[in-house]
Amino acid sequence: MEKTIKIYTTSSCVYCKMAKEFFKTNNVQYEEYDVAVDEKARNEMVEKSHQLGVPVIEINGEIFVGFDKSALLKALNIK
């Protein structure tokens, strides 16, 4: 089953860049939302994560705050 992945980012966020690089390396498709310019996405992110820090990554409804490589590997079932 294809996983639905959203990442809420800002252009200046180092951990956002690391998360996107991780996805690219592992051929993971994702939708990116820049919360610095997209108010709707920012509100959605805060509603889901209850905070303003980025990145916020959503995988099939599960929320990950920050770039936690081991948690992402497990959630995406990547060995």
N, C-alpha and C. Protein backbone atom coordinates (compact mmCIF):
# COMPACT_ATOMS: atom_id res chain seq x y z
N MET A 1 0.83 -1.19 0.00
CA MET A 1 0.00 0.00 0.00
C MET A 1 0.88 1.26 0.00
N GLU A 2 0.52 2.19 -0.84
CA GLU A 2 1.26 3.45 -0.94
C GLU A 2 0.99 4.31 0.30
N LYS A 3 2.05 4.82 0.90
CA LYS A 3 1.88 5.68 2.07
C LYS A 3 1.71 7.12 1.62
N THR A 4 0.86 7.85 2.35
CA THR A 4 0.67 9.27 2.08
C THR A 4 1.60 10.04 3.01
N ILE A 5 2.50 10.84 2.43
CA ILE A 5 3.50 11.54 3.23
C ILE A 5 3.46 13.03 2.93
N LYS A 6 3.34 13.81 4.00
CA LYS A 6 3.40 15.26 3.90
C LYS A 6 4.54 15.73 4.79
N ILE A 7 5.25 16.75 4.32
CA ILE A 7 6.28 17.36 5.16
C ILE A 7 6.05 18.86 5.16
N TYR A 8 5.97 19.39 6.37
CA TYR A 8 5.80 20.84 6.57
C TYR A 8 7.18 21.41 6.87
N THR A 9 7.59 22.39 6.07
CA THR A 9 8.96 22.89 6.13
C THR A 9 9.02 24.42 6.09
N THR A 10 10.24 24.93 6.26
CA THR A 10 10.57 26.30 5.87
C THR A 10 11.86 26.21 5.06
N SER A 11 12.10 27.20 4.23
CA SER A 11 13.27 27.13 3.34
C SER A 11 14.59 27.23 4.09
N SER A 12 14.58 27.79 5.31
CA SER A 12 15.84 27.97 6.04
C SER A 12 16.12 26.85 7.04
N CYS A 13 15.24 25.87 7.13
CA CYS A 13 15.35 24.81 8.14
C CYS A 13 16.32 23.71 7.71
N VAL A 14 17.40 23.55 8.49
CA VAL A 14 18.42 22.53 8.19
C VAL A 14 17.84 21.12 8.32
N TYR A 15 17.05 20.88 9.35
CA TYR A 15 16.48 19.55 9.56
C TYR A 15 15.46 19.20 8.47
N CYS A 16 14.80 20.22 7.93
CA CYS A 16 13.87 20.00 6.80
C CYS A 16 14.66 19.50 5.59
N LYS A 17 15.79 20.15 5.33
CA LYS A 17 16.65 19.74 4.22
C LYS A 17 17.14 18.30 4.42
N MET A 18 17.50 17.96 5.65
CA MET A 18 17.96 16.61 5.95
C MET A 18 16.84 15.60 5.72
N ALA A 19 15.63 15.93 6.13
CA ALA A 19 14.49 15.03 5.95
C ALA A 19 14.19 14.82 4.47
N LYS A 20 14.21 15.90 3.70
CA LYS A 20 13.94 15.79 2.26
C LYS A 20 15.04 14.98 1.57
N GLU A 21 16.27 15.16 1.99
CA GLU A 21 17.39 14.39 1.44
C GLU A 21 17.22 12.91 1.77
N PHE A 22 16.78 12.61 3.01
CA PHE A 22 16.50 11.24 3.43
C PHE A 22 15.43 10.61 2.52
N PHE A 23 14.35 11.35 2.26
CA PHE A 23 13.28 10.85 1.39
C PHE A 23 13.81 10.59 -0.01
N LYS A 24 14.61 11.53 -0.52
CA LYS A 24 15.17 11.41 -1.87
C LYS A 24 16.07 10.18 -1.97
N THR A 25 16.94 10.01 -1.00
CA THR A 25 17.86 8.87 -0.96
C THR A 25 17.11 7.54 -0.96
N ASN A 26 15.96 7.52 -0.28
CA ASN A 26 15.19 6.28 -0.15
C ASN A 26 14.02 6.19 -1.14
N ASN A 27 14.04 7.07 -2.15
CA ASN A 27 12.99 7.08 -3.18
C ASN A 27 11.58 7.13 -2.60
N VAL A 28 11.40 8.00 -1.62
CA VAL A 28 10.09 8.17 -0.98
C VAL A 28 9.41 9.41 -1.56
N GLN A 29 8.20 9.22 -2.10
CA GLN A 29 7.43 10.34 -2.64
C GLN A 29 6.76 11.08 -1.49
N TYR A 30 6.75 12.41 -1.55
CA TYR A 30 6.13 13.20 -0.50
C TYR A 30 5.59 14.49 -1.07
N GLU A 31 4.67 15.10 -0.31
CA GLU A 31 4.17 16.43 -0.64
C GLU A 31 4.79 17.39 0.35
N GLU A 32 5.33 18.50 -0.15
CA GLU A 32 5.97 19.49 0.71
C GLU A 32 5.12 20.75 0.82
N TYR A 33 5.03 21.26 2.04
CA TYR A 33 4.29 22.49 2.30
C TYR A 33 5.22 23.46 3.04
N ASP A 34 5.46 24.63 2.46
CA ASP A 34 6.32 25.64 3.07
C ASP A 34 5.45 26.52 3.97
N VAL A 35 5.55 26.29 5.28
CA VAL A 35 4.68 27.00 6.23
C VAL A 35 5.07 28.46 6.43
N ALA A 36 6.21 28.86 5.88
CA ALA A 36 6.61 30.27 5.96
C ALA A 36 5.76 31.12 5.02
N VAL A 37 5.28 30.51 3.93
CA VAL A 37 4.49 31.26 2.94
C VAL A 37 3.05 30.76 2.81
N ASP A 38 2.77 29.57 3.32
CA ASP A 38 1.45 28.97 3.16
C ASP A 38 0.73 28.95 4.51
N GLU A 39 -0.12 29.96 4.73
CA GLU A 39 -0.79 30.10 6.03
C GLU A 39 -1.72 28.92 6.32
N LYS A 40 -2.41 28.45 5.29
CA LYS A 40 -3.32 27.30 5.46
C LYS A 40 -2.54 26.07 5.94
N ALA A 41 -1.39 25.82 5.31
CA ALA A 41 -0.55 24.69 5.69
C ALA A 41 0.00 24.88 7.10
N ARG A 42 0.38 26.10 7.45
CA ARG A 42 0.90 26.38 8.79
C ARG A 42 -0.17 26.07 9.84
N ASN A 43 -1.40 26.52 9.59
CA ASN A 43 -2.49 26.26 10.53
C ASN A 43 -2.76 24.76 10.66
N GLU A 44 -2.72 24.07 9.53
CA GLU A 44 -2.92 22.61 9.51
C GLU A 44 -1.82 21.92 10.33
N MET A 45 -0.57 22.35 10.14
CA MET A 45 0.57 21.77 10.86
C MET A 45 0.42 21.97 12.36
N VAL A 46 0.06 23.18 12.79
CA VAL A 46 -0.09 23.48 14.21
C VAL A 46 -1.23 22.66 14.81
N GLU A 47 -2.30 22.52 14.06
CA GLU A 47 -3.44 21.73 14.52
C GLU A 47 -3.04 20.27 14.75
N LYS A 48 -2.21 19.74 13.86
CA LYS A 48 -1.79 18.34 13.95
C LYS A 48 -0.69 18.11 14.98
N SER A 49 0.26 19.06 15.08
CA SER A 49 1.45 18.83 15.92
C SER A 49 1.43 19.64 17.22
N HIS A 50 0.54 20.60 17.33
CA HIS A 50 0.40 21.46 18.51
C HIS A 50 1.65 22.28 18.80
N GLN A 51 2.40 22.61 17.77
CA GLN A 51 3.59 23.45 17.94
C GLN A 51 4.01 24.03 16.59
N LEU A 52 4.99 24.94 16.61
CA LEU A 52 5.41 25.65 15.40
C LEU A 52 6.74 25.18 14.83
N GLY A 53 7.41 24.24 15.50
CA GLY A 53 8.71 23.78 15.01
C GLY A 53 8.57 22.97 13.73
N VAL A 54 9.57 23.06 12.87
CA VAL A 54 9.60 22.27 11.65
C VAL A 54 10.89 21.44 11.63
N PRO A 55 10.96 20.37 10.90
CA PRO A 55 9.89 19.84 10.08
C PRO A 55 8.84 19.09 10.91
N VAL A 56 7.64 19.07 10.38
CA VAL A 56 6.60 18.17 10.87
C VAL A 56 6.31 17.25 9.70
N ILE A 57 6.42 15.96 9.96
CA ILE A 57 6.23 14.96 8.91
C ILE A 57 5.01 14.12 9.28
N GLU A 58 4.12 13.95 8.32
CA GLU A 58 2.94 13.14 8.53
C GLU A 58 2.99 11.94 7.59
N ILE A 59 2.94 10.75 8.17
CA ILE A 59 2.95 9.52 7.38
C ILE A 59 1.67 8.75 7.73
N ASN A 60 0.75 8.69 6.76
CA ASN A 60 -0.54 8.02 6.97
C ASN A 60 -1.20 8.46 8.27
N GLY A 61 -1.17 9.75 8.56
CA GLY A 61 -1.85 10.28 9.74
C GLY A 61 -1.00 10.30 11.01
N GLU A 62 0.15 9.63 11.00
CA GLU A 62 1.04 9.63 12.17
C GLU A 62 1.98 10.83 12.06
N ILE A 63 2.11 11.57 13.17
CA ILE A 63 2.89 12.82 13.16
C ILE A 63 4.28 12.61 13.77
N PHE A 64 5.28 13.12 13.07
CA PHE A 64 6.66 13.11 13.55
C PHE A 64 7.14 14.56 13.59
N VAL A 65 7.62 15.01 14.74
CA VAL A 65 8.12 16.37 14.87
C VAL A 65 9.64 16.30 14.85
N GLY A 66 10.24 17.06 13.94
CA GLY A 66 11.69 17.03 13.79
C GLY A 66 12.11 15.91 12.86
N PHE A 67 13.40 15.79 12.64
CA PHE A 67 13.93 14.75 11.76
C PHE A 67 14.49 13.64 12.64
N ASP A 68 13.72 12.57 12.79
CA ASP A 68 14.11 11.40 13.58
C ASP A 68 14.27 10.23 12.60
N LYS A 69 15.50 10.07 12.12
CA LYS A 69 15.77 9.09 11.07
C LYS A 69 15.31 7.69 11.45
N SER A 70 15.61 7.23 12.65
CA SER A 70 15.24 5.87 13.04
C SER A 70 13.73 5.70 13.08
N ALA A 71 13.00 6.70 13.56
CA ALA A 71 11.53 6.62 13.59
C ALA A 71 10.96 6.60 12.18
N LEU A 72 11.56 7.38 11.28
CA LEU A 72 11.10 7.41 9.89
C LEU A 72 11.38 6.08 9.18
N LEU A 73 12.56 5.53 9.40
CA LEU A 73 12.89 4.23 8.82
C LEU A 73 11.87 3.18 9.24
N LYS A 74 11.53 3.18 10.52
CA LYS A 74 10.56 2.22 11.05
C LYS A 74 9.17 2.46 10.46
N ALA A 75 8.74 3.73 10.44
CA ALA A 75 7.39 4.07 9.94
C ALA A 75 7.24 3.73 8.46
N LEU A 76 8.33 3.88 7.71
CA LEU A 76 8.29 3.62 6.28
C LEU A 76 8.71 2.19 5.93
N ASN A 77 9.04 1.41 6.95
CA ASN A 77 9.45 0.02 6.77
C ASN A 77 10.65 -0.09 5.83
N ILE A 78 11.66 0.77 6.06
CA ILE A 78 12.88 0.77 5.27
C ILE A 78 13.96 0.08 6.10
N LYS A 79 14.63 -0.88 5.48
CA LYS A 79 15.69 -1.63 6.21
C LYS A 79 17.02 -0.93 6.05
